[in-house]
Amino acid sequence: MKIAKLLRLDFLPSNTNLALLLLRTWIGATMFILHGWGKVTGFGEMSGKFLNLFGIGSTASLALAIFGEAVCSVLLIFGLFTRLAALCGIITMTVAFTIAHNAVLRGPGSGELAFIYLATYVVLFIAGPGRFSVDAKMGGKV
């Protein structure tokens, strides 16, 4: 019995709210820095060359990607409108995975990273922001 408890690491405290804070800030900051910010700063040069999704034009497609990757990432970091931001992330990463990466998980140009982001956004959408969030301070359901 003691070995089972040791192997389960039962001696470590559990803190779901801290875990959600870390997940939100880690994923939000990573998405913003590695994907969103480059699109924001390179908007002028990228707008004509960006993938034209759903026939709305490359500039509109880029603007939607910026919203999903930059704006919603900042919202996640602060835990503000978390479920809505996560839903936008789900949509953005579903499009990235299925269209930009052809739903391929292995090999060069694969959508593995988009798929991992997608899974993370799904978890945040289901779990919510946790206690350490602006949503919680505003009296929202956490």
N, C-alpha and C. Protein backbone atom coordinates (compact mmCIF):
# COMPACT_ATOMS: atom_id res chain seq x y z
N MET A 1 0.82 -1.20 0.00
CA MET A 1 0.00 0.00 0.00
C MET A 1 0.86 1.26 0.00
N LYS A 2 1.91 1.28 0.82
CA LYS A 2 2.77 2.45 0.88
C LYS A 2 3.52 2.65 -0.43
N ILE A 3 3.89 1.58 -1.08
CA ILE A 3 4.59 1.68 -2.37
C ILE A 3 3.65 2.28 -3.41
N ALA A 4 2.39 1.86 -3.40
CA ALA A 4 1.41 2.40 -4.35
C ALA A 4 1.23 3.90 -4.15
N LYS A 5 1.14 4.34 -2.89
CA LYS A 5 1.02 5.78 -2.61
C LYS A 5 2.25 6.53 -3.09
N LEU A 6 3.40 5.93 -2.88
CA LEU A 6 4.65 6.55 -3.31
C LEU A 6 4.71 6.66 -4.83
N LEU A 7 4.32 5.60 -5.52
CA LEU A 7 4.35 5.61 -6.98
C LEU A 7 3.32 6.57 -7.57
N ARG A 8 2.22 6.81 -6.85
CA ARG A 8 1.21 7.77 -7.31
C ARG A 8 1.58 9.20 -6.94
N LEU A 9 2.67 9.35 -6.19
CA LEU A 9 3.14 10.66 -5.71
C LEU A 9 2.07 11.35 -4.87
N ASP A 10 1.36 10.56 -4.07
CA ASP A 10 0.29 11.10 -3.22
C ASP A 10 0.78 12.13 -2.21
N PHE A 11 2.07 12.14 -1.94
CA PHE A 11 2.61 13.09 -0.96
C PHE A 11 2.67 14.51 -1.50
N LEU A 12 2.53 14.67 -2.81
CA LEU A 12 2.56 16.00 -3.40
C LEU A 12 1.17 16.65 -3.31
N PRO A 13 1.12 17.92 -2.96
CA PRO A 13 -0.19 18.58 -2.90
C PRO A 13 -0.76 18.77 -4.31
N SER A 14 -2.07 18.77 -4.39
CA SER A 14 -2.77 18.97 -5.65
C SER A 14 -3.34 20.39 -5.67
N ASN A 15 -3.13 21.11 -6.76
CA ASN A 15 -3.66 22.46 -6.86
C ASN A 15 -4.10 22.72 -8.29
N THR A 16 -5.35 22.43 -8.56
CA THR A 16 -5.91 22.60 -9.91
C THR A 16 -5.87 24.05 -10.36
N ASN A 17 -6.15 24.98 -9.46
CA ASN A 17 -6.16 26.40 -9.83
C ASN A 17 -4.78 26.88 -10.24
N LEU A 18 -3.75 26.46 -9.54
CA LEU A 18 -2.39 26.81 -9.92
C LEU A 18 -2.03 26.18 -11.26
N ALA A 19 -2.44 24.93 -11.46
CA ALA A 19 -2.17 24.25 -12.73
C ALA A 19 -2.83 24.98 -13.90
N LEU A 20 -4.07 25.44 -13.71
CA LEU A 20 -4.76 26.18 -14.77
C LEU A 20 -4.08 27.51 -15.05
N LEU A 21 -3.62 28.19 -14.01
CA LEU A 21 -2.88 29.43 -14.19
C LEU A 21 -1.61 29.18 -15.01
N LEU A 22 -0.86 28.16 -14.65
CA LEU A 22 0.37 27.84 -15.38
C LEU A 22 0.07 27.47 -16.82
N LEU A 23 -0.95 26.66 -17.04
CA LEU A 23 -1.31 26.25 -18.40
C LEU A 23 -1.73 27.45 -19.24
N ARG A 24 -2.60 28.30 -18.68
CA ARG A 24 -3.06 29.49 -19.41
C ARG A 24 -1.90 30.40 -19.79
N THR A 25 -1.05 30.71 -18.81
CA THR A 25 0.04 31.66 -19.07
C THR A 25 1.10 31.05 -19.98
N TRP A 26 1.41 29.80 -19.79
CA TRP A 26 2.43 29.13 -20.60
C TRP A 26 2.00 29.07 -22.07
N ILE A 27 0.80 28.57 -22.30
CA ILE A 27 0.30 28.44 -23.67
C ILE A 27 0.02 29.81 -24.28
N GLY A 28 -0.58 30.70 -23.50
CA GLY A 28 -0.88 32.04 -24.02
C GLY A 28 0.38 32.79 -24.41
N ALA A 29 1.38 32.77 -23.54
CA ALA A 29 2.63 33.48 -23.83
C ALA A 29 3.37 32.85 -25.00
N THR A 30 3.40 31.53 -25.04
CA THR A 30 4.10 30.84 -26.14
C THR A 30 3.43 31.14 -27.48
N MET A 31 2.11 31.04 -27.52
CA MET A 31 1.39 31.32 -28.77
C MET A 31 1.59 32.78 -29.18
N PHE A 32 1.49 33.70 -28.24
CA PHE A 32 1.65 35.11 -28.55
C PHE A 32 3.06 35.41 -29.08
N ILE A 33 4.07 34.95 -28.37
CA ILE A 33 5.46 35.27 -28.73
C ILE A 33 5.89 34.57 -30.02
N LEU A 34 5.59 33.29 -30.15
CA LEU A 34 6.10 32.52 -31.28
C LEU A 34 5.23 32.59 -32.54
N HIS A 35 3.97 32.95 -32.39
CA HIS A 35 3.08 32.94 -33.56
C HIS A 35 2.33 34.26 -33.77
N GLY A 36 1.72 34.78 -32.73
CA GLY A 36 0.89 35.98 -32.86
C GLY A 36 1.67 37.25 -33.14
N TRP A 37 2.73 37.50 -32.36
CA TRP A 37 3.48 38.74 -32.47
C TRP A 37 4.10 38.91 -33.86
N GLY A 38 4.60 37.85 -34.43
CA GLY A 38 5.18 37.92 -35.78
C GLY A 38 4.15 38.32 -36.82
N LYS A 39 2.93 37.86 -36.64
CA LYS A 39 1.85 38.23 -37.57
C LYS A 39 1.45 39.69 -37.36
N VAL A 40 1.44 40.14 -36.10
CA VAL A 40 1.10 41.54 -35.82
C VAL A 40 2.13 42.46 -36.44
N THR A 41 3.41 42.21 -36.17
CA THR A 41 4.47 43.10 -36.67
C THR A 41 4.71 42.96 -38.16
N GLY A 42 4.36 41.82 -38.73
CA GLY A 42 4.57 41.61 -40.16
C GLY A 42 3.29 41.70 -40.96
N PHE A 43 2.27 42.34 -40.39
CA PHE A 43 0.97 42.39 -41.05
C PHE A 43 1.06 42.95 -42.47
N GLY A 44 1.76 44.06 -42.63
CA GLY A 44 1.84 44.70 -43.94
C GLY A 44 2.42 43.80 -45.02
N GLU A 45 3.51 43.15 -44.71
CA GLU A 45 4.15 42.29 -45.71
C GLU A 45 3.47 40.93 -45.85
N MET A 46 2.78 40.48 -44.82
CA MET A 46 2.14 39.16 -44.86
C MET A 46 0.73 39.19 -45.43
N SER A 47 0.07 40.35 -45.36
CA SER A 47 -1.36 40.39 -45.69
C SER A 47 -1.67 39.96 -47.11
N GLY A 48 -0.82 40.24 -48.05
CA GLY A 48 -1.07 39.84 -49.42
C GLY A 48 -0.68 38.41 -49.72
N LYS A 49 0.15 37.81 -48.86
CA LYS A 49 0.67 36.47 -49.11
C LYS A 49 0.05 35.40 -48.22
N PHE A 50 -0.74 35.80 -47.23
CA PHE A 50 -1.29 34.85 -46.27
C PHE A 50 -2.31 33.94 -46.94
N LEU A 51 -2.43 32.74 -46.44
CA LEU A 51 -3.37 31.76 -46.97
C LEU A 51 -4.79 32.34 -46.97
N ASN A 52 -5.44 32.32 -48.12
CA ASN A 52 -6.80 32.82 -48.25
C ASN A 52 -7.77 31.73 -47.83
N LEU A 53 -8.24 31.83 -46.61
CA LEU A 53 -9.14 30.81 -46.08
C LEU A 53 -10.59 31.14 -46.36
N PHE A 54 -11.32 30.18 -46.80
CA PHE A 54 -12.77 30.28 -46.99
C PHE A 54 -13.16 31.39 -47.96
N GLY A 55 -12.25 31.83 -48.81
CA GLY A 55 -12.56 32.83 -49.82
C GLY A 55 -12.82 34.22 -49.27
N ILE A 56 -12.32 34.53 -48.08
CA ILE A 56 -12.55 35.85 -47.49
C ILE A 56 -11.39 36.81 -47.76
N GLY A 57 -10.37 36.33 -48.43
CA GLY A 57 -9.21 37.15 -48.74
C GLY A 57 -8.08 36.90 -47.75
N SER A 58 -6.87 37.11 -48.22
CA SER A 58 -5.71 36.82 -47.37
C SER A 58 -5.59 37.81 -46.21
N THR A 59 -5.95 39.08 -46.43
CA THR A 59 -5.86 40.07 -45.35
C THR A 59 -6.85 39.75 -44.23
N ALA A 60 -8.08 39.41 -44.58
CA ALA A 60 -9.07 39.04 -43.57
C ALA A 60 -8.67 37.75 -42.85
N SER A 61 -8.12 36.80 -43.59
CA SER A 61 -7.66 35.55 -42.98
C SER A 61 -6.53 35.82 -41.99
N LEU A 62 -5.61 36.70 -42.36
CA LEU A 62 -4.51 37.07 -41.47
C LEU A 62 -5.05 37.77 -40.22
N ALA A 63 -6.02 38.66 -40.41
CA ALA A 63 -6.61 39.36 -39.26
C ALA A 63 -7.26 38.38 -38.29
N LEU A 64 -7.94 37.37 -38.81
CA LEU A 64 -8.54 36.35 -37.95
C LEU A 64 -7.47 35.55 -37.22
N ALA A 65 -6.39 35.23 -37.92
CA ALA A 65 -5.29 34.50 -37.28
C ALA A 65 -4.66 35.34 -36.17
N ILE A 66 -4.51 36.64 -36.41
CA ILE A 66 -3.96 37.54 -35.39
C ILE A 66 -4.89 37.59 -34.18
N PHE A 67 -6.19 37.66 -34.44
CA PHE A 67 -7.13 37.67 -33.32
C PHE A 67 -6.99 36.39 -32.49
N GLY A 68 -6.93 35.25 -33.17
CA GLY A 68 -6.84 33.98 -32.47
C GLY A 68 -5.51 33.75 -31.79
N GLU A 69 -4.42 34.19 -32.42
CA GLU A 69 -3.08 33.89 -31.90
C GLU A 69 -2.49 34.99 -31.02
N ALA A 70 -2.91 36.22 -31.20
CA ALA A 70 -2.34 37.32 -30.40
C ALA A 70 -3.34 37.83 -29.36
N VAL A 71 -4.48 38.30 -29.82
CA VAL A 71 -5.47 38.88 -28.91
C VAL A 71 -5.97 37.84 -27.90
N CYS A 72 -6.39 36.69 -28.39
CA CYS A 72 -6.92 35.66 -27.49
C CYS A 72 -5.84 35.09 -26.58
N SER A 73 -4.59 35.12 -27.01
CA SER A 73 -3.49 34.67 -26.15
C SER A 73 -3.33 35.59 -24.95
N VAL A 74 -3.44 36.89 -25.18
CA VAL A 74 -3.35 37.85 -24.07
C VAL A 74 -4.53 37.65 -23.12
N LEU A 75 -5.72 37.42 -23.67
CA LEU A 75 -6.89 37.16 -22.83
C LEU A 75 -6.66 35.92 -21.96
N LEU A 76 -6.08 34.88 -22.55
CA LEU A 76 -5.80 33.67 -21.78
C LEU A 76 -4.80 33.92 -20.66
N ILE A 77 -3.76 34.67 -20.96
CA ILE A 77 -2.74 34.96 -19.94
C ILE A 77 -3.37 35.58 -18.71
N PHE A 78 -4.28 36.52 -18.91
CA PHE A 78 -4.93 37.20 -17.80
C PHE A 78 -6.14 36.44 -17.25
N GLY A 79 -6.58 35.44 -17.98
CA GLY A 79 -7.78 34.72 -17.55
C GLY A 79 -9.02 35.58 -17.71
N LEU A 80 -9.07 36.33 -18.78
CA LEU A 80 -10.19 37.22 -19.08
C LEU A 80 -10.96 36.66 -20.27
N PHE A 81 -12.25 36.43 -20.08
CA PHE A 81 -13.08 35.78 -21.11
C PHE A 81 -12.41 34.49 -21.58
N THR A 82 -11.97 33.72 -20.62
CA THR A 82 -11.12 32.55 -20.88
C THR A 82 -11.77 31.54 -21.80
N ARG A 83 -13.01 31.20 -21.54
CA ARG A 83 -13.64 30.17 -22.37
C ARG A 83 -13.85 30.66 -23.80
N LEU A 84 -14.19 31.92 -23.97
CA LEU A 84 -14.34 32.49 -25.31
C LEU A 84 -12.99 32.51 -26.03
N ALA A 85 -11.94 32.92 -25.31
CA ALA A 85 -10.59 32.93 -25.90
C ALA A 85 -10.15 31.52 -26.27
N ALA A 86 -10.45 30.55 -25.41
CA ALA A 86 -10.10 29.16 -25.71
C ALA A 86 -10.88 28.64 -26.91
N LEU A 87 -12.14 29.04 -27.02
CA LEU A 87 -12.94 28.64 -28.18
C LEU A 87 -12.35 29.20 -29.47
N CYS A 88 -11.91 30.45 -29.44
CA CYS A 88 -11.23 31.04 -30.61
C CYS A 88 -9.96 30.27 -30.92
N GLY A 89 -9.23 29.87 -29.88
CA GLY A 89 -8.03 29.06 -30.08
C GLY A 89 -8.36 27.71 -30.69
N ILE A 90 -9.46 27.11 -30.26
CA ILE A 90 -9.90 25.83 -30.83
C ILE A 90 -10.17 25.99 -32.32
N ILE A 91 -10.89 27.04 -32.68
CA ILE A 91 -11.22 27.27 -34.09
C ILE A 91 -9.94 27.53 -34.89
N THR A 92 -9.07 28.40 -34.38
CA THR A 92 -7.84 28.75 -35.08
C THR A 92 -6.96 27.52 -35.29
N MET A 93 -6.79 26.72 -34.25
CA MET A 93 -5.91 25.56 -34.36
C MET A 93 -6.54 24.42 -35.16
N THR A 94 -7.87 24.34 -35.17
CA THR A 94 -8.53 23.36 -36.03
C THR A 94 -8.28 23.71 -37.49
N VAL A 95 -8.40 24.99 -37.82
CA VAL A 95 -8.11 25.45 -39.19
C VAL A 95 -6.64 25.21 -39.52
N ALA A 96 -5.75 25.59 -38.61
CA ALA A 96 -4.31 25.40 -38.85
C ALA A 96 -3.99 23.92 -39.06
N PHE A 97 -4.53 23.07 -38.21
CA PHE A 97 -4.22 21.64 -38.30
C PHE A 97 -4.81 21.01 -39.56
N THR A 98 -6.09 21.29 -39.83
CA THR A 98 -6.75 20.60 -40.94
C THR A 98 -6.44 21.20 -42.31
N ILE A 99 -6.33 22.52 -42.39
CA ILE A 99 -6.14 23.16 -43.69
C ILE A 99 -4.66 23.45 -43.97
N ALA A 100 -4.01 24.16 -43.06
CA ALA A 100 -2.61 24.54 -43.31
C ALA A 100 -1.67 23.34 -43.25
N HIS A 101 -2.01 22.33 -42.42
CA HIS A 101 -1.13 21.17 -42.26
C HIS A 101 -1.77 19.87 -42.75
N ASN A 102 -2.90 19.97 -43.42
CA ASN A 102 -3.58 18.81 -44.00
C ASN A 102 -3.82 17.68 -43.01
N ALA A 103 -4.00 18.00 -41.74
CA ALA A 103 -4.27 17.03 -40.67
C ALA A 103 -3.21 15.94 -40.60
N VAL A 104 -1.97 16.31 -40.92
CA VAL A 104 -0.84 15.37 -40.85
C VAL A 104 -0.11 15.58 -39.53
N LEU A 105 0.12 14.49 -38.80
CA LEU A 105 0.77 14.58 -37.50
C LEU A 105 2.27 14.27 -37.53
N ARG A 106 2.76 13.69 -38.60
CA ARG A 106 4.18 13.30 -38.64
C ARG A 106 4.85 13.84 -39.89
N GLY A 107 6.16 14.03 -39.77
CA GLY A 107 6.96 14.44 -40.91
C GLY A 107 7.14 15.94 -41.02
N PRO A 108 7.90 16.35 -42.03
CA PRO A 108 8.16 17.79 -42.23
C PRO A 108 6.86 18.55 -42.51
N GLY A 109 6.74 19.70 -41.89
CA GLY A 109 5.55 20.53 -42.09
C GLY A 109 4.30 19.95 -41.46
N SER A 110 4.46 19.05 -40.52
CA SER A 110 3.29 18.41 -39.91
C SER A 110 2.55 19.39 -39.01
N GLY A 111 1.35 19.01 -38.66
CA GLY A 111 0.51 19.83 -37.79
C GLY A 111 0.57 19.40 -36.33
N GLU A 112 1.65 18.72 -35.95
CA GLU A 112 1.76 18.22 -34.58
C GLU A 112 1.61 19.33 -33.55
N LEU A 113 2.29 20.44 -33.75
CA LEU A 113 2.22 21.54 -32.79
C LEU A 113 0.81 22.14 -32.74
N ALA A 114 0.19 22.34 -33.89
CA ALA A 114 -1.18 22.85 -33.92
C ALA A 114 -2.12 21.90 -33.20
N PHE A 115 -1.89 20.61 -33.34
CA PHE A 115 -2.71 19.59 -32.68
C PHE A 115 -2.55 19.65 -31.16
N ILE A 116 -1.32 19.87 -30.70
CA ILE A 116 -1.06 20.00 -29.26
C ILE A 116 -1.71 21.27 -28.71
N TYR A 117 -1.56 22.38 -29.43
CA TYR A 117 -2.25 23.61 -29.02
C TYR A 117 -3.76 23.38 -28.96
N LEU A 118 -4.30 22.71 -29.97
CA LEU A 118 -5.73 22.42 -30.02
C LEU A 118 -6.18 21.67 -28.77
N ALA A 119 -5.44 20.65 -28.39
CA ALA A 119 -5.78 19.86 -27.20
C ALA A 119 -5.76 20.74 -25.95
N THR A 120 -4.78 21.63 -25.87
CA THR A 120 -4.67 22.52 -24.71
C THR A 120 -5.85 23.48 -24.64
N TYR A 121 -6.23 24.03 -25.77
CA TYR A 121 -7.38 24.94 -25.79
C TYR A 121 -8.67 24.21 -25.41
N VAL A 122 -8.81 22.96 -25.84
CA VAL A 122 -9.99 22.17 -25.46
C VAL A 122 -10.03 21.99 -23.94
N VAL A 123 -8.89 21.68 -23.34
CA VAL A 123 -8.82 21.52 -21.88
C VAL A 123 -9.22 22.82 -21.18
N LEU A 124 -8.68 23.95 -21.64
CA LEU A 124 -9.01 25.24 -21.02
C LEU A 124 -10.48 25.61 -21.23
N PHE A 125 -11.03 25.26 -22.37
CA PHE A 125 -12.44 25.53 -22.64
C PHE A 125 -13.32 24.74 -21.67
N ILE A 126 -12.98 23.49 -21.44
CA ILE A 126 -13.77 22.63 -20.55
C ILE A 126 -13.56 23.02 -19.09
N ALA A 127 -12.30 23.21 -18.69
CA ALA A 127 -11.97 23.45 -17.28
C ALA A 127 -12.28 24.87 -16.82
N GLY A 128 -12.19 25.82 -17.73
CA GLY A 128 -12.36 27.22 -17.34
C GLY A 128 -11.05 27.81 -16.82
N PRO A 129 -11.09 29.04 -16.36
CA PRO A 129 -9.86 29.78 -16.04
C PRO A 129 -9.23 29.43 -14.70
N GLY A 130 -10.01 28.93 -13.78
CA GLY A 130 -9.49 28.70 -12.44
C GLY A 130 -9.63 29.95 -11.57
N ARG A 131 -9.29 29.78 -10.31
CA ARG A 131 -9.47 30.86 -9.33
C ARG A 131 -8.53 32.03 -9.56
N PHE A 132 -7.34 31.79 -10.09
CA PHE A 132 -6.35 32.85 -10.29
C PHE A 132 -6.53 33.48 -11.67
N SER A 133 -7.62 34.21 -11.84
CA SER A 133 -7.95 34.79 -13.14
C SER A 133 -8.78 36.04 -12.95
N VAL A 134 -8.78 36.88 -13.97
CA VAL A 134 -9.64 38.06 -13.95
C VAL A 134 -11.11 37.63 -13.97
N ASP A 135 -11.42 36.57 -14.72
CA ASP A 135 -12.79 36.06 -14.74
C ASP A 135 -13.28 35.77 -13.33
N ALA A 136 -12.45 35.13 -12.51
CA ALA A 136 -12.83 34.80 -11.13
C ALA A 136 -13.03 36.07 -10.31
N LYS A 137 -12.16 37.05 -10.51
CA LYS A 137 -12.27 38.31 -9.77
C LYS A 137 -13.54 39.07 -10.14
N MET A 138 -14.01 38.87 -11.37
CA MET A 138 -15.24 39.53 -11.82
C MET A 138 -16.48 38.73 -11.43
N GLY A 139 -16.28 37.65 -10.70
CA GLY A 139 -17.42 36.86 -10.24
C GLY A 139 -17.91 35.82 -11.22
N GLY A 140 -17.10 35.52 -12.23
CA GLY A 140 -17.50 34.52 -13.21
C GLY A 140 -17.36 33.11 -12.67
N LYS A 141 -17.95 32.17 -13.38
CA LYS A 141 -17.87 30.76 -13.00
C LYS A 141 -16.47 30.25 -13.34
N VAL A 142 -15.81 29.68 -12.34
CA VAL A 142 -14.44 29.17 -12.57
C VAL A 142 -14.32 27.72 -12.29
